N, C-alpha and C. Protein backbone atom coordinates (compact mmCIF):
# COMPACT_ATOMS: atom_id res chain seq x y z
N MET A 1 80.72 57.02 105.35
CA MET A 1 79.99 57.51 103.97
C MET A 1 80.22 55.91 103.32
N GLU A 2 80.73 55.06 103.76
CA GLU A 2 81.16 54.13 103.25
C GLU A 2 80.15 52.79 103.69
N LYS A 3 79.60 52.77 104.86
CA LYS A 3 78.97 51.96 105.46
C LYS A 3 77.20 52.68 104.00
N GLU A 4 77.00 54.12 103.79
CA GLU A 4 75.96 54.73 102.95
C GLU A 4 76.31 53.50 101.65
N ASP A 5 77.52 54.15 100.69
CA ASP A 5 78.30 53.65 100.00
C ASP A 5 77.55 51.75 99.27
N ASN A 6 78.21 51.44 100.77
CA ASN A 6 77.63 49.80 100.08
C ASN A 6 76.29 50.01 100.94
N PHE A 7 75.17 50.39 101.22
CA PHE A 7 73.61 50.04 101.38
C PHE A 7 73.13 50.14 99.95
N LYS A 8 73.78 51.68 99.41
CA LYS A 8 73.06 51.81 98.18
C LYS A 8 73.43 50.51 96.95
N LYS A 9 74.51 50.37 97.16
CA LYS A 9 75.16 49.42 96.10
C LYS A 9 74.16 47.91 96.36
N GLU A 10 74.03 47.68 97.40
CA GLU A 10 72.94 46.51 97.55
C GLU A 10 71.97 46.61 97.33
N GLN A 11 71.57 48.02 97.02
CA GLN A 11 70.32 48.09 97.26
C GLN A 11 69.72 48.45 95.37
N LEU A 12 71.22 48.65 94.85
CA LEU A 12 70.62 48.68 93.21
C LEU A 12 70.80 47.15 92.54
N LEU A 13 71.74 45.99 93.76
CA LEU A 13 72.01 45.17 93.20
C LEU A 13 71.08 44.10 93.45
N HIS A 14 70.37 44.15 94.69
CA HIS A 14 68.95 43.63 95.20
C HIS A 14 68.33 42.83 93.43
N GLY A 15 68.69 41.25 93.95
CA GLY A 15 67.58 40.88 93.01
C GLY A 15 67.86 40.68 92.16
N MET A 16 69.09 40.84 91.42
CA MET A 16 70.15 40.56 89.95
C MET A 16 70.94 39.33 90.41
N GLN A 17 71.57 39.06 91.52
CA GLN A 17 72.29 38.51 92.08
C GLN A 17 72.60 37.03 91.00
N ASN A 18 71.14 36.51 91.31
CA ASN A 18 71.27 35.06 90.74
C ASN A 18 71.37 35.04 88.93
N LEU A 19 71.22 36.32 88.43
CA LEU A 19 71.02 36.71 87.14
C LEU A 19 71.84 36.36 86.56
N PRO A 20 72.18 36.05 85.18
CA PRO A 20 73.46 36.09 84.22
C PRO A 20 73.75 37.12 84.44
N ILE A 21 75.36 37.23 83.70
CA ILE A 21 76.53 38.45 83.66
C ILE A 21 75.77 39.44 83.09
N SER A 22 75.67 38.88 82.07
CA SER A 22 74.62 39.58 80.42
C SER A 22 74.44 40.39 80.78
N VAL A 23 72.57 39.63 81.61
CA VAL A 23 71.26 40.02 81.34
C VAL A 23 71.93 41.59 83.12
N GLN A 24 73.26 41.09 84.25
CA GLN A 24 72.90 42.14 85.00
C GLN A 24 73.79 43.34 84.12
N ILE A 25 74.63 43.23 83.36
CA ILE A 25 75.18 44.24 82.78
C ILE A 25 74.13 45.17 82.29
N GLU A 26 73.51 44.47 81.52
CA GLU A 26 72.00 45.20 80.34
C GLU A 26 71.10 45.43 81.28
N LYS A 27 70.74 45.33 82.64
CA LYS A 27 70.11 45.84 83.88
C LYS A 27 70.36 47.12 84.10
N LEU A 28 71.99 46.97 83.75
CA LEU A 28 72.65 48.26 85.14
C LEU A 28 72.89 49.27 84.04
N LYS A 29 73.17 48.82 82.74
CA LYS A 29 73.33 49.88 81.79
C LYS A 29 72.08 50.62 81.90
N THR A 30 71.04 50.07 81.51
CA THR A 30 69.43 50.66 81.32
C THR A 30 69.55 51.78 82.64
N ARG A 31 69.96 51.25 83.91
CA ARG A 31 69.38 52.23 85.02
C ARG A 31 70.16 53.59 85.17
N ILE A 32 71.81 53.12 84.27
CA ILE A 32 73.05 54.11 83.92
C ILE A 32 71.96 55.42 83.47
N ASP A 33 71.42 54.52 81.85
CA ASP A 33 70.57 55.36 81.39
C ASP A 33 69.54 56.79 81.75
N MET A 34 69.14 55.49 82.68
CA MET A 34 67.87 56.56 83.26
C MET A 34 68.24 58.17 84.15
N ILE A 35 69.85 57.49 85.04
CA ILE A 35 70.25 57.96 86.02
C ILE A 35 70.86 59.27 85.18
N GLY A 36 71.51 59.10 84.19
CA GLY A 36 71.68 60.09 82.71
C GLY A 36 70.52 61.35 81.90
N ALA A 37 69.66 60.42 82.23
CA ALA A 37 68.95 61.02 81.57
C ALA A 37 67.70 62.38 82.48
N ALA A 38 67.68 61.89 83.74
CA ALA A 38 67.37 62.53 85.05
C ALA A 38 67.93 63.44 85.17
N CYS A 39 69.40 63.12 85.01
CA CYS A 39 70.24 64.59 85.26
C CYS A 39 70.44 65.52 84.63
N GLU A 40 69.83 64.98 83.03
CA GLU A 40 69.87 65.78 82.08
C GLU A 40 68.25 66.91 82.32
N SER A 41 67.67 66.30 83.06
CA SER A 41 66.29 67.33 82.54
C SER A 41 67.18 68.05 83.94
N ALA A 42 67.32 67.81 85.32
CA ALA A 42 67.37 68.46 86.17
C ALA A 42 68.56 69.78 85.80
N GLU A 43 69.28 69.28 85.16
CA GLU A 43 69.88 70.78 84.55
C GLU A 43 69.50 72.06 83.72
N LYS A 44 68.15 71.16 82.54
CA LYS A 44 67.71 71.55 82.00
C LYS A 44 66.23 72.61 82.68
N VAL A 45 65.95 72.23 83.68
CA VAL A 45 64.82 72.96 84.85
C VAL A 45 66.08 73.69 85.55
N LEU A 46 67.13 73.83 86.01
CA LEU A 46 67.72 74.68 86.83
C LEU A 46 68.07 75.71 85.11
N ALA A 47 68.65 75.51 84.52
CA ALA A 47 69.47 76.39 83.64
C ALA A 47 67.74 77.76 83.00
N GLU A 48 66.73 76.88 82.90
CA GLU A 48 65.58 77.87 82.93
C GLU A 48 65.39 78.61 84.17
N THR A 49 64.96 77.77 85.27
CA THR A 49 65.18 79.05 86.81
C THR A 49 66.10 79.85 86.71
N ARG A 50 67.26 79.48 86.47
CA ARG A 50 68.65 80.91 86.38
C ARG A 50 67.71 81.64 85.49
N LYS A 51 67.36 81.48 84.56
CA LYS A 51 67.04 82.64 83.35
C LYS A 51 66.21 83.24 83.85
N SER A 52 65.13 82.48 84.53
CA SER A 52 64.02 82.91 85.15
C SER A 52 64.23 83.68 85.76
N LEU A 53 65.31 83.61 87.17
CA LEU A 53 65.33 84.74 88.24
C LEU A 53 66.38 86.25 87.44
N LEU A 54 67.58 85.92 86.26
CA LEU A 54 67.88 86.97 86.09
C LEU A 54 67.36 87.77 85.00
N PHE A 55 65.76 87.31 84.90
CA PHE A 55 65.12 87.98 84.16
C PHE A 55 64.26 89.04 84.83
N TRP A 56 64.05 88.07 86.18
CA TRP A 56 62.88 89.02 87.18
C TRP A 56 63.67 89.71 88.17
N TYR A 57 65.13 89.67 88.21
CA TYR A 57 66.10 90.60 88.47
C TYR A 57 66.41 91.88 88.15
N SER A 58 66.15 91.67 87.17
CA SER A 58 66.88 92.83 86.44
C SER A 58 65.68 93.73 85.95
N SER A 59 64.48 92.36 85.41
CA SER A 59 62.86 93.55 85.55
C SER A 59 62.95 94.35 86.49
N ARG A 60 63.39 94.31 87.97
CA ARG A 60 63.24 94.67 89.29
C ARG A 60 64.13 95.87 89.38
N SER A 61 65.10 95.44 88.61
CA SER A 61 65.83 96.66 88.74
C SER A 61 66.30 98.11 87.61
N ASN A 62 65.37 97.55 86.85
CA ASN A 62 64.86 98.48 84.98
C ASN A 62 63.84 99.47 85.58
N ASN A 63 62.76 98.50 87.12
CA ASN A 63 62.03 99.48 87.06
C ASN A 63 61.49 100.34 88.67
N GLY A 64 63.69 99.88 88.57
CA GLY A 64 63.66 101.50 90.02
C GLY A 64 63.42 100.98 91.28
N PHE A 65 63.53 99.69 91.49
CA PHE A 65 63.36 98.57 92.88
C PHE A 65 64.65 98.01 93.50
N ASP A 66 64.88 98.59 94.13
CA ASP A 66 65.97 97.84 95.19
C ASP A 66 65.35 96.66 96.24
N ARG A 67 66.13 96.26 95.48
CA ARG A 67 65.42 94.44 96.62
C ARG A 67 63.81 94.86 96.53
């Protein structure tokens, strides 16, 4: 697990070590924002999928189908 974490850190910081600290911070903030946006989008997709599945299950049970 530690090796995987270290590899991910190295990937994230690749090519930024020679940049000024302030630029590194801004680049990392941008990446964090992008990851946050992707997570929000994924949460919305999951919520819509759950709604669809609940609708599908309830419509099947209302039509007299058992699984």
